[in-house]
Amino acid sequence: LLKIKAEASPKRETNGWDKMWQAIRVLRRFTRDDLAAISGQSMGNVQCFTKEYKRRGYLRCLGKAGTRNVMWMLAKDPGPKRPIGAVKTDVD
């Protein structure tokens, strides 16, 4: 019998959005300022991320979105790997 060795799929590099996803899973509730400080990402990147994942149903805003220091929470947790879909950009 001939055994075929399965090639390991290449591991995707961790980017800024992955770091934010990991932080959110630990924090569960956070502000955008918290997320920017913990993940080392710019506020623009944090805003883009939270808007996108709110739209997808993974995050929920616990106040009026756009106001300073509004609290966000993880609404749906599919696991440790960041859900990836049709995102325009994954900026570090």
N, C-alpha and C. Protein backbone atom coordinates (compact mmCIF):
# COMPACT_ATOMS: atom_id res chain seq x y z
N LEU A 1 0.83 -1.19 0.00
CA LEU A 1 0.00 0.00 0.00
C LEU A 1 0.87 1.24 0.00
N LEU A 2 0.41 2.19 -0.74
CA LEU A 2 1.11 3.46 -0.84
C LEU A 2 0.46 4.46 0.09
N LYS A 3 1.25 5.01 0.97
CA LYS A 3 0.71 6.02 1.89
C LYS A 3 1.06 7.41 1.36
N ILE A 4 0.07 8.23 1.35
CA ILE A 4 0.28 9.61 0.91
C ILE A 4 0.31 10.49 2.15
N LYS A 5 1.39 11.21 2.27
CA LYS A 5 1.52 12.10 3.41
C LYS A 5 0.78 13.40 3.11
N ALA A 6 -0.14 13.72 3.98
CA ALA A 6 -0.90 14.97 3.80
C ALA A 6 0.00 16.15 4.12
N GLU A 7 -0.03 17.11 3.25
CA GLU A 7 0.76 18.31 3.48
C GLU A 7 0.04 19.17 4.51
N ALA A 8 0.79 19.67 5.44
CA ALA A 8 0.21 20.56 6.44
C ALA A 8 -0.15 21.87 5.77
N SER A 9 -1.33 22.36 6.11
CA SER A 9 -1.71 23.65 5.54
C SER A 9 -0.84 24.73 6.17
N PRO A 10 -0.45 25.70 5.37
CA PRO A 10 0.42 26.74 5.91
C PRO A 10 -0.28 27.50 7.03
N LYS A 11 0.47 27.76 8.08
CA LYS A 11 -0.09 28.47 9.23
C LYS A 11 -0.19 29.95 8.89
N ARG A 12 -1.36 30.51 9.15
CA ARG A 12 -1.58 31.92 8.89
C ARG A 12 -0.90 32.74 9.97
N GLU A 13 -0.22 33.81 9.57
CA GLU A 13 0.44 34.67 10.54
C GLU A 13 -0.59 35.41 11.36
N THR A 14 -0.28 35.63 12.62
CA THR A 14 -1.15 36.40 13.49
C THR A 14 -1.03 37.87 13.12
N ASN A 15 -2.18 38.50 12.87
CA ASN A 15 -2.16 39.92 12.54
C ASN A 15 -2.90 40.72 13.61
N GLY A 16 -3.06 42.00 13.39
CA GLY A 16 -3.70 42.88 14.37
C GLY A 16 -5.11 42.47 14.71
N TRP A 17 -5.86 42.01 13.70
CA TRP A 17 -7.24 41.61 13.97
C TRP A 17 -7.28 40.34 14.81
N ASP A 18 -6.32 39.44 14.62
CA ASP A 18 -6.22 38.23 15.45
C ASP A 18 -5.94 38.61 16.90
N LYS A 19 -5.05 39.58 17.10
CA LYS A 19 -4.71 40.03 18.45
C LYS A 19 -5.94 40.62 19.14
N MET A 20 -6.72 41.40 18.39
CA MET A 20 -7.93 41.98 18.97
C MET A 20 -8.94 40.89 19.32
N TRP A 21 -9.08 39.90 18.45
CA TRP A 21 -10.02 38.80 18.72
C TRP A 21 -9.62 38.06 20.00
N GLN A 22 -8.33 37.78 20.14
CA GLN A 22 -7.85 37.08 21.34
C GLN A 22 -8.12 37.90 22.60
N ALA A 23 -7.89 39.20 22.52
CA ALA A 23 -8.13 40.08 23.67
C ALA A 23 -9.61 40.11 24.04
N ILE A 24 -10.47 40.19 23.05
CA ILE A 24 -11.92 40.23 23.28
C ILE A 24 -12.39 38.95 23.95
N ARG A 25 -11.87 37.82 23.54
CA ARG A 25 -12.28 36.54 24.13
C ARG A 25 -11.91 36.46 25.61
N VAL A 26 -10.82 37.12 26.00
CA VAL A 26 -10.41 37.13 27.40
C VAL A 26 -11.22 38.16 28.19
N LEU A 27 -11.36 39.36 27.63
CA LEU A 27 -12.02 40.46 28.34
C LEU A 27 -13.54 40.29 28.44
N ARG A 28 -14.16 39.84 27.37
CA ARG A 28 -15.62 39.71 27.25
C ARG A 28 -16.33 41.06 27.18
N ARG A 29 -15.98 42.02 28.02
CA ARG A 29 -16.52 43.39 27.96
C ARG A 29 -15.33 44.34 27.91
N PHE A 30 -15.43 45.37 27.07
CA PHE A 30 -14.29 46.25 26.85
C PHE A 30 -14.75 47.55 26.21
N THR A 31 -13.89 48.56 26.26
CA THR A 31 -14.09 49.77 25.48
C THR A 31 -13.11 49.71 24.31
N ARG A 32 -13.32 50.57 23.34
CA ARG A 32 -12.38 50.61 22.22
C ARG A 32 -10.99 51.03 22.70
N ASP A 33 -10.95 51.94 23.68
CA ASP A 33 -9.66 52.35 24.24
C ASP A 33 -8.94 51.16 24.87
N ASP A 34 -9.70 50.33 25.61
CA ASP A 34 -9.12 49.11 26.21
C ASP A 34 -8.51 48.23 25.13
N LEU A 35 -9.29 48.01 24.07
CA LEU A 35 -8.86 47.11 23.00
C LEU A 35 -7.63 47.63 22.28
N ALA A 36 -7.59 48.94 22.03
CA ALA A 36 -6.42 49.54 21.38
C ALA A 36 -5.17 49.38 22.25
N ALA A 37 -5.32 49.62 23.55
CA ALA A 37 -4.17 49.54 24.46
C ALA A 37 -3.66 48.11 24.60
N ILE A 38 -4.56 47.16 24.73
CA ILE A 38 -4.17 45.77 24.95
C ILE A 38 -3.59 45.12 23.69
N SER A 39 -4.20 45.42 22.53
CA SER A 39 -3.77 44.77 21.29
C SER A 39 -2.66 45.53 20.57
N GLY A 40 -2.41 46.78 20.97
CA GLY A 40 -1.39 47.58 20.30
C GLY A 40 -1.82 48.09 18.93
N GLN A 41 -3.12 48.15 18.69
CA GLN A 41 -3.64 48.58 17.40
C GLN A 41 -4.07 50.05 17.45
N SER A 42 -4.11 50.67 16.28
CA SER A 42 -4.56 52.06 16.19
C SER A 42 -6.06 52.14 16.45
N MET A 43 -6.53 53.31 16.86
CA MET A 43 -7.95 53.48 17.10
C MET A 43 -8.75 53.29 15.81
N GLY A 44 -8.20 53.70 14.69
CA GLY A 44 -8.88 53.49 13.41
C GLY A 44 -9.08 52.02 13.10
N ASN A 45 -8.07 51.21 13.37
CA ASN A 45 -8.17 49.78 13.14
C ASN A 45 -9.16 49.14 14.11
N VAL A 46 -9.16 49.59 15.36
CA VAL A 46 -10.11 49.08 16.36
C VAL A 46 -11.54 49.43 15.95
N GLN A 47 -11.77 50.64 15.48
CA GLN A 47 -13.11 51.05 15.05
C GLN A 47 -13.59 50.21 13.87
N CYS A 48 -12.71 50.00 12.91
CA CYS A 48 -13.05 49.18 11.74
C CYS A 48 -13.39 47.75 12.18
N PHE A 49 -12.59 47.20 13.07
CA PHE A 49 -12.79 45.84 13.57
C PHE A 49 -14.12 45.71 14.30
N THR A 50 -14.39 46.62 15.24
CA THR A 50 -15.61 46.52 16.03
C THR A 50 -16.85 46.71 15.17
N LYS A 51 -16.80 47.61 14.21
CA LYS A 51 -17.95 47.80 13.31
C LYS A 51 -18.21 46.54 12.49
N GLU A 52 -17.14 45.95 11.97
CA GLU A 52 -17.29 44.75 11.13
C GLU A 52 -17.84 43.57 11.94
N TYR A 53 -17.30 43.35 13.13
CA TYR A 53 -17.76 42.20 13.92
C TYR A 53 -19.11 42.45 14.59
N LYS A 54 -19.48 43.71 14.76
CA LYS A 54 -20.85 44.02 15.21
C LYS A 54 -21.81 43.66 14.08
N ARG A 55 -21.46 44.06 12.87
CA ARG A 55 -22.30 43.77 11.70
C ARG A 55 -22.50 42.26 11.53
N ARG A 56 -21.48 41.48 11.83
CA ARG A 56 -21.56 40.01 11.70
C ARG A 56 -22.24 39.34 12.89
N GLY A 57 -22.52 40.10 13.95
CA GLY A 57 -23.21 39.54 15.11
C GLY A 57 -22.32 38.98 16.20
N TYR A 58 -21.00 39.17 16.08
CA TYR A 58 -20.08 38.66 17.10
C TYR A 58 -19.92 39.63 18.27
N LEU A 59 -20.10 40.92 18.03
CA LEU A 59 -19.97 41.92 19.08
C LEU A 59 -21.27 42.69 19.23
N ARG A 60 -21.49 43.18 20.45
CA ARG A 60 -22.66 44.01 20.71
C ARG A 60 -22.20 45.27 21.44
N CYS A 61 -22.74 46.40 21.03
CA CYS A 61 -22.43 47.68 21.65
C CYS A 61 -23.44 47.91 22.77
N LEU A 62 -22.95 48.18 23.98
CA LEU A 62 -23.83 48.35 25.13
C LEU A 62 -24.10 49.82 25.43
N GLY A 63 -24.37 50.57 24.41
CA GLY A 63 -24.63 52.00 24.54
C GLY A 63 -24.74 52.57 23.15
N LYS A 64 -24.67 53.88 23.04
CA LYS A 64 -24.75 54.52 21.74
C LYS A 64 -23.39 54.42 21.06
N ALA A 65 -23.35 53.68 19.97
CA ALA A 65 -22.09 53.50 19.24
C ALA A 65 -21.56 54.86 18.81
N GLY A 66 -20.28 55.04 18.91
CA GLY A 66 -19.65 56.28 18.51
C GLY A 66 -19.39 57.22 19.68
N THR A 67 -20.03 56.97 20.82
CA THR A 67 -19.77 57.80 21.99
C THR A 67 -18.50 57.32 22.69
N ARG A 68 -17.84 58.22 23.33
CA ARG A 68 -16.56 57.91 23.98
C ARG A 68 -16.76 56.91 25.11
N ASN A 69 -15.89 55.96 25.19
CA ASN A 69 -15.86 54.96 26.26
C ASN A 69 -17.12 54.11 26.38
N VAL A 70 -17.83 53.93 25.28
CA VAL A 70 -18.98 53.03 25.31
C VAL A 70 -18.46 51.60 25.49
N MET A 71 -19.20 50.78 26.20
CA MET A 71 -18.80 49.41 26.49
C MET A 71 -19.26 48.49 25.35
N TRP A 72 -18.40 47.56 24.98
CA TRP A 72 -18.70 46.55 23.98
C TRP A 72 -18.63 45.19 24.66
N MET A 73 -19.31 44.19 24.09
CA MET A 73 -19.22 42.84 24.65
C MET A 73 -19.22 41.80 23.54
N LEU A 74 -18.63 40.67 23.85
CA LEU A 74 -18.62 39.53 22.93
C LEU A 74 -20.00 38.89 22.99
N ALA A 75 -20.70 38.86 21.86
CA ALA A 75 -22.06 38.33 21.81
C ALA A 75 -22.09 36.87 21.35
N LYS A 76 -21.11 36.50 20.53
CA LYS A 76 -21.07 35.14 19.98
C LYS A 76 -19.61 34.73 19.90
N ASP A 77 -19.27 33.60 20.51
CA ASP A 77 -17.88 33.14 20.56
C ASP A 77 -17.74 31.78 19.88
N PRO A 78 -17.32 31.77 18.61
CA PRO A 78 -17.16 30.50 17.91
C PRO A 78 -15.86 29.77 18.22
N GLY A 79 -15.00 30.36 19.04
CA GLY A 79 -13.76 29.69 19.40
C GLY A 79 -12.56 30.60 19.32
N PRO A 80 -11.37 30.04 19.55
CA PRO A 80 -10.16 30.84 19.62
C PRO A 80 -9.70 31.44 18.30
N LYS A 81 -10.03 30.81 17.19
CA LYS A 81 -9.62 31.36 15.90
C LYS A 81 -10.61 32.43 15.46
N ARG A 82 -10.07 33.57 15.05
CA ARG A 82 -10.91 34.68 14.62
C ARG A 82 -11.73 34.28 13.40
N PRO A 83 -13.04 34.51 13.45
CA PRO A 83 -13.87 34.23 12.28
C PRO A 83 -13.43 35.09 11.11
N ILE A 84 -13.20 34.46 9.99
CA ILE A 84 -12.73 35.18 8.81
C ILE A 84 -13.80 35.05 7.74
N GLY A 85 -14.10 36.16 7.11
CA GLY A 85 -15.10 36.15 6.05
C GLY A 85 -14.73 37.18 5.01
N ALA A 86 -15.73 37.73 4.43
CA ALA A 86 -15.53 38.73 3.37
C ALA A 86 -15.22 40.07 4.01
N VAL A 87 -13.98 40.23 4.42
CA VAL A 87 -13.54 41.48 5.02
C VAL A 87 -12.72 42.21 3.97
N LYS A 88 -12.93 43.52 3.86
CA LYS A 88 -12.19 44.30 2.87
C LYS A 88 -10.69 44.22 3.12
N THR A 89 -10.28 44.48 4.36
CA THR A 89 -8.85 44.44 4.68
C THR A 89 -8.64 43.92 6.08
N ASP A 90 -7.54 43.28 6.31
CA ASP A 90 -7.08 42.91 7.64
C ASP A 90 -5.79 43.68 7.85
N VAL A 91 -5.91 44.85 8.41
CA VAL A 91 -4.78 45.75 8.57
C VAL A 91 -4.12 45.50 9.90
N ASP A 92 -2.80 45.49 9.92
CA ASP A 92 -2.07 45.36 11.19
C ASP A 92 -1.99 46.71 11.86
